[in-house]
Amino acid sequence: MQRREVLYGIGATSIWWSIARADNASPHIVGVLSSRSAIEATPHVKALREGLAETGNTEGQNVTLQFRWADGDYRRLPGLAQDLVEGGTSLLIATGSTAPALAAQAATHLPIVFLIGEDPVGIGLVRSFNRPGGSITGFTFLTSELGGKRLGLLLELVTDARTVALLVNSGNSTAHSQIEDVQRTADALGRQLKIFRTAKKDDFDPTFASMMEQKIEGLVVANDPFFDSQRDRLVALCAMNRLPAIYHIREFPAAGGLEHDVFIRKRTLSF
């Protein structure tokens, strides 16, 4: 079981504890708000159900899960959050980037459990790690804070790259902080960083064409659930354009990204 699936299971304990504290008339209804698609989240949902079962709560018996999927379109999240609230849920689980957590927080004062990759204090979700305050709590991987580190690792492999790029989702509220983090590293290493923004699948081909026109020599793909769901296409475009790239989770290498990047590394070092 991978890191995210483990935390989904561990998080079930916190989720059920939050349900027990809820005053709603339907204490066994849990709403799950995600920026992902149902297919993309299949292993996460499996881990959530298993984690709940381990605490004595089985879907269809003493707990009901209601899912709302944004399918990568973050603009849908506020409406989906409101739909869950109006559906009688007593707890919201917000997962798949900061956007679902912020949408849930804006929609209700019901208990919220989030699972994100950003700093929840910095974006205003909680007051502090030790004392979150309000009715919201959760888990963070802080993976969005590691973009600069990823760039450094990429440049250890592609040592002669002078112009590099960061691909961010323009619909992600943390894109600005992701850019700042990678920009600091690029400046410190004396590399030119160019930012490419995209928020839908149709943008990928023209975006990569622009990267090639601007002679990009290395790419950092930002931490974003939308990009995760499009990993096959992103890996294929990097391979097609012979562009070394680095990603934030193992699913990209598992989809062929590692084979591609090793090939690029060998090609680069052989010249």
C-alpha atoms as a PDB file:
ATOM      1  CA  MET A   1       0.000   0.000   0.000  1.00  0.00           C
ATOM      2  CA  GLN A   2       1.391   3.419  -0.951  1.00  0.00           C
ATOM      3  CA  ARG A   3       1.817   6.458   1.300  1.00  0.00           C
ATOM      4  CA  ARG A   4      -1.434   8.165   0.344  1.00  0.00           C
ATOM      5  CA  GLU A   5      -3.460   4.988   0.700  1.00  0.00           C
ATOM      6  CA  VAL A   6      -1.918   4.375   4.137  1.00  0.00           C
ATOM      7  CA  LEU A   7      -2.912   7.855   5.273  1.00  0.00           C
ATOM      8  CA  TYR A   8      -6.433   7.381   3.968  1.00  0.00           C
ATOM      9  CA  GLY A   9      -6.657   4.345   6.209  1.00  0.00           C
ATOM     10  CA  ILE A  10      -5.091   6.063   9.201  1.00  0.00           C
ATOM     11  CA  GLY A  11      -7.312   9.059   8.615  1.00  0.00           C
ATOM     12  CA  ALA A  12     -10.399   6.914   9.059  1.00  0.00           C
ATOM     13  CA  THR A  13      -9.829   6.983  12.819  1.00  0.00           C
ATOM     14  CA  SER A  14      -9.843  10.778  12.861  1.00  0.00           C
ATOM     15  CA  ILE A  15     -12.828  10.795  10.540  1.00  0.00           C
ATOM     16  CA  TRP A  16     -14.890   8.581  12.792  1.00  0.00           C
ATOM     17  CA  TRP A  17     -13.833  10.557  15.881  1.00  0.00           C
ATOM     18  CA  SER A  18     -15.092  13.700  14.139  1.00  0.00           C
ATOM     19  CA  ILE A  19     -18.388  12.012  13.312  1.00  0.00           C
ATOM     20  CA  ALA A  20     -18.862  11.051  16.935  1.00  0.00           C
ATOM     21  CA  ARG A  21     -18.503  14.717  17.947  1.00  0.00           C
ATOM     22  CA  ALA A  22     -20.905  15.995  15.284  1.00  0.00           C
ATOM     23  CA  ASP A  23     -24.323  17.283  16.362  1.00  0.00           C
ATOM     24  CA  ASN A  24     -25.992  16.646  13.007  1.00  0.00           C
ATOM     25  CA  ALA A  25     -29.163  14.551  12.993  1.00  0.00           C
ATOM     26  CA  SER A  26     -27.571  12.128  10.506  1.00  0.00           C
ATOM     27  CA  PRO A  27     -24.281  11.265  12.235  1.00  0.00           C
ATOM     28  CA  HIS A  28     -23.448   8.350   9.962  1.00  0.00           C
ATOM     29  CA  ILE A  29     -23.404  10.198   6.631  1.00  0.00           C
ATOM     30  CA  VAL A  30     -19.936  11.214   5.440  1.00  0.00           C
ATOM     31  CA  GLY A  31     -19.412  13.387   2.381  1.00  0.00           C
ATOM     32  CA  VAL A  32     -16.240  12.941   0.326  1.00  0.00           C
ATOM     33  CA  LEU A  33     -15.272  15.942  -1.811  1.00  0.00           C
ATOM     34  CA  SER A  34     -12.439  15.348  -4.269  1.00  0.00           C
ATOM     35  CA  SER A  35     -10.839  17.182  -7.162  1.00  0.00           C
ATOM     36  CA  ARG A  36     -10.055  13.819  -8.740  1.00  0.00           C
ATOM     37  CA  SER A  37     -12.180  11.438 -10.793  1.00  0.00           C
ATOM     38  CA  ALA A  38     -13.783   8.337  -9.312  1.00  0.00           C
ATOM     39  CA  ILE A  39     -11.503   6.103 -11.387  1.00  0.00           C
ATOM     40  CA  GLU A  40      -8.351   7.971 -10.361  1.00  0.00           C
ATOM     41  CA  ALA A  41      -9.314   7.741  -6.677  1.00  0.00           C
ATOM     42  CA  THR A  42     -10.152   4.014  -6.689  1.00  0.00           C
ATOM     43  CA  PRO A  43      -7.219   2.916  -4.445  1.00  0.00           C
ATOM     44  CA  HIS A  44      -7.837   5.836  -2.075  1.00  0.00           C
ATOM     45  CA  VAL A  45     -11.511   4.974  -1.669  1.00  0.00           C
ATOM     46  CA  LYS A  46     -10.594   1.334  -1.061  1.00  0.00           C
ATOM     47  CA  ALA A  47      -8.182   2.361   1.712  1.00  0.00           C
ATOM     48  CA  LEU A  48     -10.774   4.676   3.261  1.00  0.00           C
ATOM     49  CA  ARG A  49     -13.356   1.901   3.402  1.00  0.00           C
ATOM     50  CA  GLU A  50     -10.844  -0.521   4.855  1.00  0.00           C
ATOM     51  CA  GLY A  51      -9.768   2.018   7.473  1.00  0.00           C
ATOM     52  CA  LEU A  52     -13.356   2.662   8.528  1.00  0.00           C
ATOM     53  CA  ALA A  53     -14.022  -1.069   8.712  1.00  0.00           C
ATOM     54  CA  GLU A  54     -11.026  -1.484  11.030  1.00  0.00           C
ATOM     55  CA  THR A  55     -12.669   0.956  13.443  1.00  0.00           C
ATOM     56  CA  GLY A  56     -15.911  -1.016  13.337  1.00  0.00           C
ATOM     57  CA  ASN A  57     -17.708   1.092  10.743  1.00  0.00           C
ATOM     58  CA  THR A  58     -18.886  -0.575   7.558  1.00  0.00           C
ATOM     59  CA  GLU A  59     -20.394   1.237   4.615  1.00  0.00           C
ATOM     60  CA  GLY A  60     -24.010   0.289   4.148  1.00  0.00           C
ATOM     61  CA  GLN A  61     -24.371  -0.827   7.756  1.00  0.00           C
ATOM     62  CA  ASN A  62     -23.544   1.974  10.167  1.00  0.00           C
ATOM     63  CA  VAL A  63     -21.978   4.545   7.850  1.00  0.00           C
ATOM     64  CA  THR A  64     -22.909   5.973   4.453  1.00  0.00           C
ATOM     65  CA  LEU A  65     -20.358   7.572   2.129  1.00  0.00           C
ATOM     66  CA  GLN A  66     -21.497  10.178  -0.380  1.00  0.00           C
ATOM     67  CA  PHE A  67     -18.945  11.049  -3.073  1.00  0.00           C
ATOM     68  CA  ARG A  68     -18.639  14.135  -5.242  1.00  0.00           C
ATOM     69  CA  TRP A  69     -15.929  14.184  -7.927  1.00  0.00           C
ATOM     70  CA  ALA A  70     -14.746  17.350  -9.688  1.00  0.00           C
ATOM     71  CA  ASP A  71     -12.934  15.336 -12.396  1.00  0.00           C
ATOM     72  CA  GLY A  72     -10.071  17.829 -12.451  1.00  0.00           C
ATOM     73  CA  ASP A  73     -12.306  20.894 -12.852  1.00  0.00           C
ATOM     74  CA  TYR A  74     -11.691  22.844  -9.650  1.00  0.00           C
ATOM     75  CA  ARG A  75     -14.391  25.364 -10.532  1.00  0.00           C
ATOM     76  CA  ARG A  76     -17.022  22.733  -9.730  1.00  0.00           C
ATOM     77  CA  LEU A  77     -15.877  22.234  -6.146  1.00  0.00           C
ATOM     78  CA  PRO A  78     -17.906  24.974  -4.371  1.00  0.00           C
ATOM     79  CA  GLY A  79     -21.143  23.682  -5.875  1.00  0.00           C
ATOM     80  CA  LEU A  80     -20.254  20.072  -5.072  1.00  0.00           C
ATOM     81  CA  ALA A  81     -19.409  21.004  -1.485  1.00  0.00           C
ATOM     82  CA  GLN A  82     -22.740  22.778  -1.091  1.00  0.00           C
ATOM     83  CA  ASP A  83     -24.524  19.776  -2.560  1.00  0.00           C
ATOM     84  CA  LEU A  84     -22.971  17.511   0.088  1.00  0.00           C
ATOM     85  CA  VAL A  85     -23.897  19.897   2.891  1.00  0.00           C
ATOM     86  CA  GLU A  86     -27.499  20.084   1.692  1.00  0.00           C
ATOM     87  CA  GLY A  87     -27.557  16.291   1.441  1.00  0.00           C
ATOM     88  CA  GLY A  88     -27.409  15.894   5.203  1.00  0.00           C
ATOM     89  CA  THR A  89     -23.782  14.956   5.771  1.00  0.00           C
ATOM     90  CA  SER A  90     -22.329  15.459   9.223  1.00  0.00           C
ATOM     91  CA  LEU A  91     -18.693  15.415   8.139  1.00  0.00           C
ATOM     92  CA  LEU A  92     -16.823  16.361   4.984  1.00  0.00           C
ATOM     93  CA  ILE A  93     -13.641  14.685   3.802  1.00  0.00           C
ATOM     94  CA  ALA A  94     -11.780  17.033   1.444  1.00  0.00           C
ATOM     95  CA  THR A  95      -9.044  15.503  -0.656  1.00  0.00           C
ATOM     96  CA  GLY A  96      -7.051  16.054  -3.822  1.00  0.00           C
ATOM     97  CA  SER A  97      -5.196  19.381  -3.348  1.00  0.00           C
ATOM     98  CA  THR A  98      -6.072  22.457  -1.319  1.00  0.00           C
ATOM     99  CA  ALA A  99      -9.040  23.468  -3.469  1.00  0.00           C
ATOM    100  CA  PRO A 100     -11.514  20.904  -2.052  1.00  0.00           C
ATOM    101  CA  ALA A 101     -10.512  21.777   1.514  1.00  0.00           C
ATOM    102  CA  LEU A 102     -11.034  25.494   0.893  1.00  0.00           C
ATOM    103  CA  ALA A 103     -14.356  24.819  -0.835  1.00  0.00           C
ATOM    104  CA  ALA A 104     -15.525  22.678   2.088  1.00  0.00           C
ATOM    105  CA  GLN A 105     -14.396  25.285   4.610  1.00  0.00           C
ATOM    106  CA  ALA A 106     -16.346  27.988   2.785  1.00  0.00           C
ATOM    107  CA  ALA A 107     -19.468  25.836   2.527  1.00  0.00           C
ATOM    108  CA  THR A 108     -20.002  24.716   6.112  1.00  0.00           C
ATOM    109  CA  HIS A 109     -19.082  24.798   9.797  1.00  0.00           C
ATOM    110  CA  LEU A 110     -19.485  21.030   9.978  1.00  0.00           C
ATOM    111  CA  PRO A 111     -16.385  18.979  10.876  1.00  0.00           C
ATOM    112  CA  ILE A 112     -13.922  18.728   7.977  1.00  0.00           C
ATOM    113  CA  VAL A 113     -11.001  16.332   7.575  1.00  0.00           C
ATOM    114  CA  PHE A 114      -8.574  17.295   4.792  1.00  0.00           C
ATOM    115  CA  LEU A 115      -5.784  15.473   3.007  1.00  0.00           C
ATOM    116  CA  ILE A 116      -3.513  17.894   1.131  1.00  0.00           C
ATOM    117  CA  GLY A 117       0.057  18.401  -0.031  1.00  0.00           C
ATOM    118  CA  GLU A 118       0.423  22.023   1.080  1.00  0.00           C
ATOM    119  CA  ASP A 119       1.011  23.920   4.325  1.00  0.00           C
ATOM    120  CA  PRO A 120      -2.475  24.226   5.895  1.00  0.00           C
ATOM    121  CA  VAL A 121      -1.355  27.112   8.101  1.00  0.00           C
ATOM    122  CA  GLY A 122       0.066  29.149   5.243  1.00  0.00           C
ATOM    123  CA  ILE A 123      -3.126  28.908   3.192  1.00  0.00           C
ATOM    124  CA  GLY A 124      -5.411  29.689   6.111  1.00  0.00           C
ATOM    125  CA  LEU A 125      -7.059  26.322   6.647  1.00  0.00           C
ATOM    126  CA  VAL A 126      -5.917  26.056  10.279  1.00  0.00           C
ATOM    127  CA  ARG A 127      -4.389  28.396  12.856  1.00  0.00           C
ATOM    128  CA  SER A 128      -1.426  26.162  13.658  1.00  0.00           C
ATOM    129  CA  PHE A 129      -0.329  22.537  13.447  1.00  0.00           C
ATOM    130  CA  ASN A 130      -0.676  22.001  17.198  1.00  0.00           C
ATOM    131  CA  ARG A 131      -3.957  23.908  17.609  1.00  0.00           C
ATOM    132  CA  PRO A 132      -5.838  23.923  14.298  1.00  0.00           C
ATOM    133  CA  GLY A 133      -8.928  25.572  15.799  1.00  0.00           C
ATOM    134  CA  GLY A 134     -12.441  25.607  14.406  1.00  0.00           C
ATOM    135  CA  SER A 135     -13.948  22.370  13.129  1.00  0.00           C
ATOM    136  CA  ILE A 136     -11.241  21.421  10.632  1.00  0.00           C
ATOM    137  CA  THR A 137      -8.278  19.089  10.891  1.00  0.00           C
ATOM    138  CA  GLY A 138      -6.401  16.664   8.682  1.00  0.00           C
ATOM    139  CA  PHE A 139      -3.129  15.537   7.159  1.00  0.00           C
ATOM    140  CA  THR A 140      -0.538  17.157   4.930  1.00  0.00           C
ATOM    141  CA  PHE A 141       2.330  15.670   2.930  1.00  0.00           C
ATOM    142  CA  LEU A 142       3.928  19.102   2.366  1.00  0.00           C
ATOM    143  CA  THR A 143       4.913  17.794  -1.082  1.00  0.00           C
ATOM    144  CA  SER A 144       4.204  21.142  -2.724  1.00  0.00           C
ATOM    145  CA  GLU A 145       7.045  22.606  -0.668  1.00  0.00           C
ATOM    146  CA  LEU A 146       9.578  20.325  -2.359  1.00  0.00           C
ATOM    147  CA  GLY A 147       9.487  21.714  -5.894  1.00  0.00           C
ATOM    148  CA  GLY A 148      12.856  23.404  -5.450  1.00  0.00           C
ATOM    149  CA  LYS A 149      14.378  20.173  -4.191  1.00  0.00           C
ATOM    150  CA  ARG A 150      13.047  18.351  -7.244  1.00  0.00           C
ATOM    151  CA  LEU A 151      14.629  20.911  -9.533  1.00  0.00           C
ATOM    152  CA  GLY A 152      17.944  20.415  -7.778  1.00  0.00           C
ATOM    153  CA  LEU A 153      17.722  16.659  -8.239  1.00  0.00           C
ATOM    154  CA  LEU A 154      16.817  17.047 -11.903  1.00  0.00           C
ATOM    155  CA  LEU A 155      19.852  19.252 -12.478  1.00  0.00           C
ATOM    156  CA  GLU A 156      22.112  16.669 -10.867  1.00  0.00           C
ATOM    157  CA  LEU A 157      21.094  14.368 -13.723  1.00  0.00           C
ATOM    158  CA  VAL A 158      20.961  16.922 -16.534  1.00  0.00           C
ATOM    159  CA  THR A 159      23.950  18.988 -15.482  1.00  0.00           C
ATOM    160  CA  ASP A 160      24.224  21.054 -18.654  1.00  0.00           C
ATOM    161  CA  ALA A 161      20.606  22.285 -18.640  1.00  0.00           C
ATOM    162  CA  ARG A 162      20.522  26.089 -18.477  1.00  0.00           C
ATOM    163  CA  THR A 163      16.857  26.823 -19.232  1.00  0.00           C
ATOM    164  CA  VAL A 164      14.316  24.836 -17.240  1.00  0.00           C
ATOM    165  CA  ALA A 165      10.551  24.937 -16.820  1.00  0.00           C
ATOM    166  CA  LEU A 166       7.902  24.485 -14.163  1.00  0.00           C
ATOM    167  CA  LEU A 167       4.468  23.219 -15.210  1.00  0.00           C
ATOM    168  CA  VAL A 168       1.708  24.381 -12.840  1.00  0.00           C
ATOM    169  CA  ASN A 169      -2.066  24.135 -12.819  1.00  0.00           C
ATOM    170  CA  SER A 170      -3.382  27.672 -13.189  1.00  0.00           C
ATOM    171  CA  GLY A 171      -6.533  26.595 -11.348  1.00  0.00           C
ATOM    172  CA  ASN A 172      -4.622  25.602  -8.213  1.00  0.00           C
ATOM    173  CA  SER A 173      -4.634  28.242  -5.463  1.00  0.00           C
ATOM    174  CA  THR A 174      -1.137  27.190  -4.376  1.00  0.00           C
ATOM    175  CA  ALA A 175       0.449  27.678  -7.812  1.00  0.00           C
ATOM    176  CA  HIS A 176       2.003  30.980  -6.704  1.00  0.00           C
ATOM    177  CA  SER A 177       3.811  29.439  -3.738  1.00  0.00           C
ATOM    178  CA  GLN A 178       4.955  26.512  -5.892  1.00  0.00           C
ATOM    179  CA  ILE A 179       6.438  28.955  -8.398  1.00  0.00           C
ATOM    180  CA  GLU A 180       8.205  30.948  -5.687  1.00  0.00           C
ATOM    181  CA  ASP A 181       9.796  27.809  -4.237  1.00  0.00           C
ATOM    182  CA  VAL A 182      11.184  26.570  -7.564  1.00  0.00           C
ATOM    183  CA  GLN A 183      12.235  30.081  -8.604  1.00  0.00           C
ATOM    184  CA  ARG A 184      14.412  30.444  -5.483  1.00  0.00           C
ATOM    185  CA  THR A 185      16.246  27.244  -6.336  1.00  0.00           C
ATOM    186  CA  ALA A 186      16.646  28.193  -9.991  1.00  0.00           C
ATOM    187  CA  ASP A 187      18.116  31.569  -8.988  1.00  0.00           C
ATOM    188  CA  ALA A 188      20.484  29.955  -6.495  1.00  0.00           C
ATOM    189  CA  LEU A 189      21.695  27.471  -9.124  1.00  0.00           C
ATOM    190  CA  GLY A 190      22.042  30.101 -11.840  1.00  0.00           C
ATOM    191  CA  ARG A 191      19.359  28.629 -14.127  1.00  0.00           C
ATOM    192  CA  GLN A 192      16.689  30.431 -16.094  1.00  0.00           C
ATOM    193  CA  LEU A 193      13.206  29.272 -15.062  1.00  0.00           C
ATOM    194  CA  LYS A 194      10.187  29.618 -17.300  1.00  0.00           C
ATOM    195  CA  ILE A 195       6.658  29.064 -16.035  1.00  0.00           C
ATOM    196  CA  PHE A 196       4.008  27.240 -18.043  1.00  0.00           C
ATOM    197  CA  ARG A 197       0.411  27.207 -16.849  1.00  0.00           C
ATOM    198  CA  THR A 198      -2.332  24.842 -17.891  1.00  0.00           C
ATOM    199  CA  ALA A 199      -5.688  23.837 -16.439  1.00  0.00           C
ATOM    200  CA  LYS A 200      -7.169  21.444 -19.000  1.00  0.00           C
ATOM    201  CA  LYS A 201      -6.107  18.517 -21.142  1.00  0.00           C
ATOM    202  CA  ASP A 202      -6.417  20.431 -24.398  1.00  0.00           C
ATOM    203  CA  ASP A 203      -3.641  22.774 -23.229  1.00  0.00           C
ATOM    204  CA  PHE A 204      -0.960  20.090 -23.063  1.00  0.00           C
ATOM    205  CA  ASP A 205       0.013  19.863 -26.736  1.00  0.00           C
ATOM    206  CA  PRO A 206       0.389  23.618 -27.329  1.00  0.00           C
ATOM    207  CA  THR A 207       2.146  24.000 -23.964  1.00  0.00           C
ATOM    208  CA  PHE A 208       4.781  21.411 -24.830  1.00  0.00           C
ATOM    209  CA  ALA A 209       5.131  22.893 -28.297  1.00  0.00           C
ATOM    210  CA  SER A 210       5.889  26.224 -26.653  1.00  0.00           C
ATOM    211  CA  MET A 211       8.444  24.546 -24.385  1.00  0.00           C
ATOM    212  CA  MET A 212      10.253  23.188 -27.410  1.00  0.00           C
ATOM    213  CA  GLU A 213      10.181  26.587 -29.132  1.00  0.00           C
ATOM    214  CA  GLN A 214      11.737  28.132 -26.027  1.00  0.00           C
ATOM    215  CA  LYS A 215      14.377  25.375 -25.859  1.00  0.00           C
ATOM    216  CA  ILE A 216      13.451  24.058 -22.436  1.00  0.00           C
ATOM    217  CA  GLU A 217      16.036  21.505 -21.257  1.00  0.00           C
ATOM    218  CA  GLY A 218      14.404  20.178 -18.101  1.00  0.00           C
ATOM    219  CA  LEU A 219      10.900  20.139 -16.622  1.00  0.00           C
ATOM    220  CA  VAL A 220       9.505  20.064 -13.095  1.00  0.00           C
ATOM    221  CA  VAL A 221       5.855  18.974 -13.017  1.00  0.00           C
ATOM    222  CA  ALA A 222       4.196  20.577 -10.000  1.00  0.00           C
ATOM    223  CA  ASN A 223       2.293  18.611  -7.406  1.00  0.00           C
ATOM    224  CA  ASP A 224      -1.317  18.670  -8.572  1.00  0.00           C
ATOM    225  CA  PRO A 225      -4.063  16.000  -8.668  1.00  0.00           C
ATOM    226  CA  PHE A 226      -5.078  17.115 -12.160  1.00  0.00           C
ATOM    227  CA  PHE A 227      -1.580  16.367 -13.433  1.00  0.00           C
ATOM    228  CA  ASP A 228      -1.641  13.055 -11.551  1.00  0.00           C
ATOM    229  CA  SER A 229      -4.760  12.050 -13.460  1.00  0.00           C
ATOM    230  CA  GLN A 230      -3.059  12.987 -16.741  1.00  0.00           C
ATOM    231  CA  ARG A 231       0.271  11.325 -16.008  1.00  0.00           C
ATOM    232  CA  ASP A 232       0.188   8.985 -19.013  1.00  0.00           C
ATOM    233  CA  ARG A 233      -0.207  11.918 -21.381  1.00  0.00           C
ATOM    234  CA  LEU A 234       2.443  14.019 -19.625  1.00  0.00           C
ATOM    235  CA  VAL A 235       4.974  11.182 -19.596  1.00  0.00           C
ATOM    236  CA  ALA A 236       4.274  10.505 -23.284  1.00  0.00           C
ATOM    237  CA  LEU A 237       4.759  14.165 -24.220  1.00  0.00           C
ATOM    238  CA  CYS A 238       8.064  14.306 -22.342  1.00  0.00           C
ATOM    239  CA  ALA A 239       9.248  11.177 -24.134  1.00  0.00           C
ATOM    240  CA  MET A 240       8.070  12.443 -27.518  1.00  0.00           C
ATOM    241  CA  ASN A 241       9.964  15.696 -27.046  1.00  0.00           C
ATOM    242  CA  ARG A 242      12.981  14.067 -25.359  1.00  0.00           C
ATOM    243  CA  LEU A 243      12.488  16.363 -22.396  1.00  0.00           C
ATOM    244  CA  PRO A 244      13.933  15.289 -19.005  1.00  0.00           C
ATOM    245  CA  ALA A 245      11.295  15.675 -16.295  1.00  0.00           C
ATOM    246  CA  ILE A 246      10.793  15.088 -12.590  1.00  0.00           C
ATOM    247  CA  TYR A 247       7.536  14.447 -10.742  1.00  0.00           C
ATOM    248  CA  HIS A 248       6.287  14.287  -7.173  1.00  0.00           C
ATOM    249  CA  ILE A 249       4.839  10.759  -6.836  1.00  0.00           C
ATOM    250  CA  ARG A 250       5.769   7.238  -7.876  1.00  0.00           C
ATOM    251  CA  GLU A 251       2.803   6.845 -10.225  1.00  0.00           C
ATOM    252  CA  PHE A 252       4.646   8.886 -12.871  1.00  0.00           C
ATOM    253  CA  PRO A 253       7.725   6.616 -12.932  1.00  0.00           C
ATOM    254  CA  ALA A 254       5.384   3.627 -12.814  1.00  0.00           C
ATOM    255  CA  ALA A 255       3.707   5.017 -15.948  1.00  0.00           C
ATOM    256  CA  GLY A 256       7.062   5.073 -17.747  1.00  0.00           C
ATOM    257  CA  GLY A 257       8.500   8.359 -16.549  1.00  0.00           C
ATOM    258  CA  LEU A 258      11.537   6.760 -14.924  1.00  0.00           C
ATOM    259  CA  GLU A 259      12.416   4.754 -18.030  1.00  0.00           C
ATOM    260  CA  HIS A 260      12.145   7.922 -20.083  1.00  0.00           C
ATOM    261  CA  ASP A 261      14.243  10.024 -17.696  1.00  0.00           C
ATOM    262  CA  VAL A 262      16.957   7.382 -17.404  1.00  0.00           C
ATOM    263  CA  PHE A 263      17.093   7.221 -21.206  1.00  0.00           C
ATOM    264  CA  ILE A 264      17.449  10.987 -21.365  1.00  0.00           C
ATOM    265  CA  ARG A 265      20.144  10.916 -18.705  1.00  0.00           C
ATOM    266  CA  LYS A 266      22.164   8.340 -20.621  1.00  0.00           C
ATOM    267  CA  ARG A 267      21.739  10.285 -23.817  1.00  0.00           C
ATOM    268  CA  THR A 268      22.819  13.530 -22.150  1.00  0.00           C
ATOM    269  CA  LEU A 269      25.825  12.051 -20.394  1.00  0.00           C
ATOM    270  CA  SER A 270      27.030  10.308 -23.546  1.00  0.00           C
ATOM    271  CA  PHE A 271      27.681  13.591 -25.356  1.00  0.00           C
END
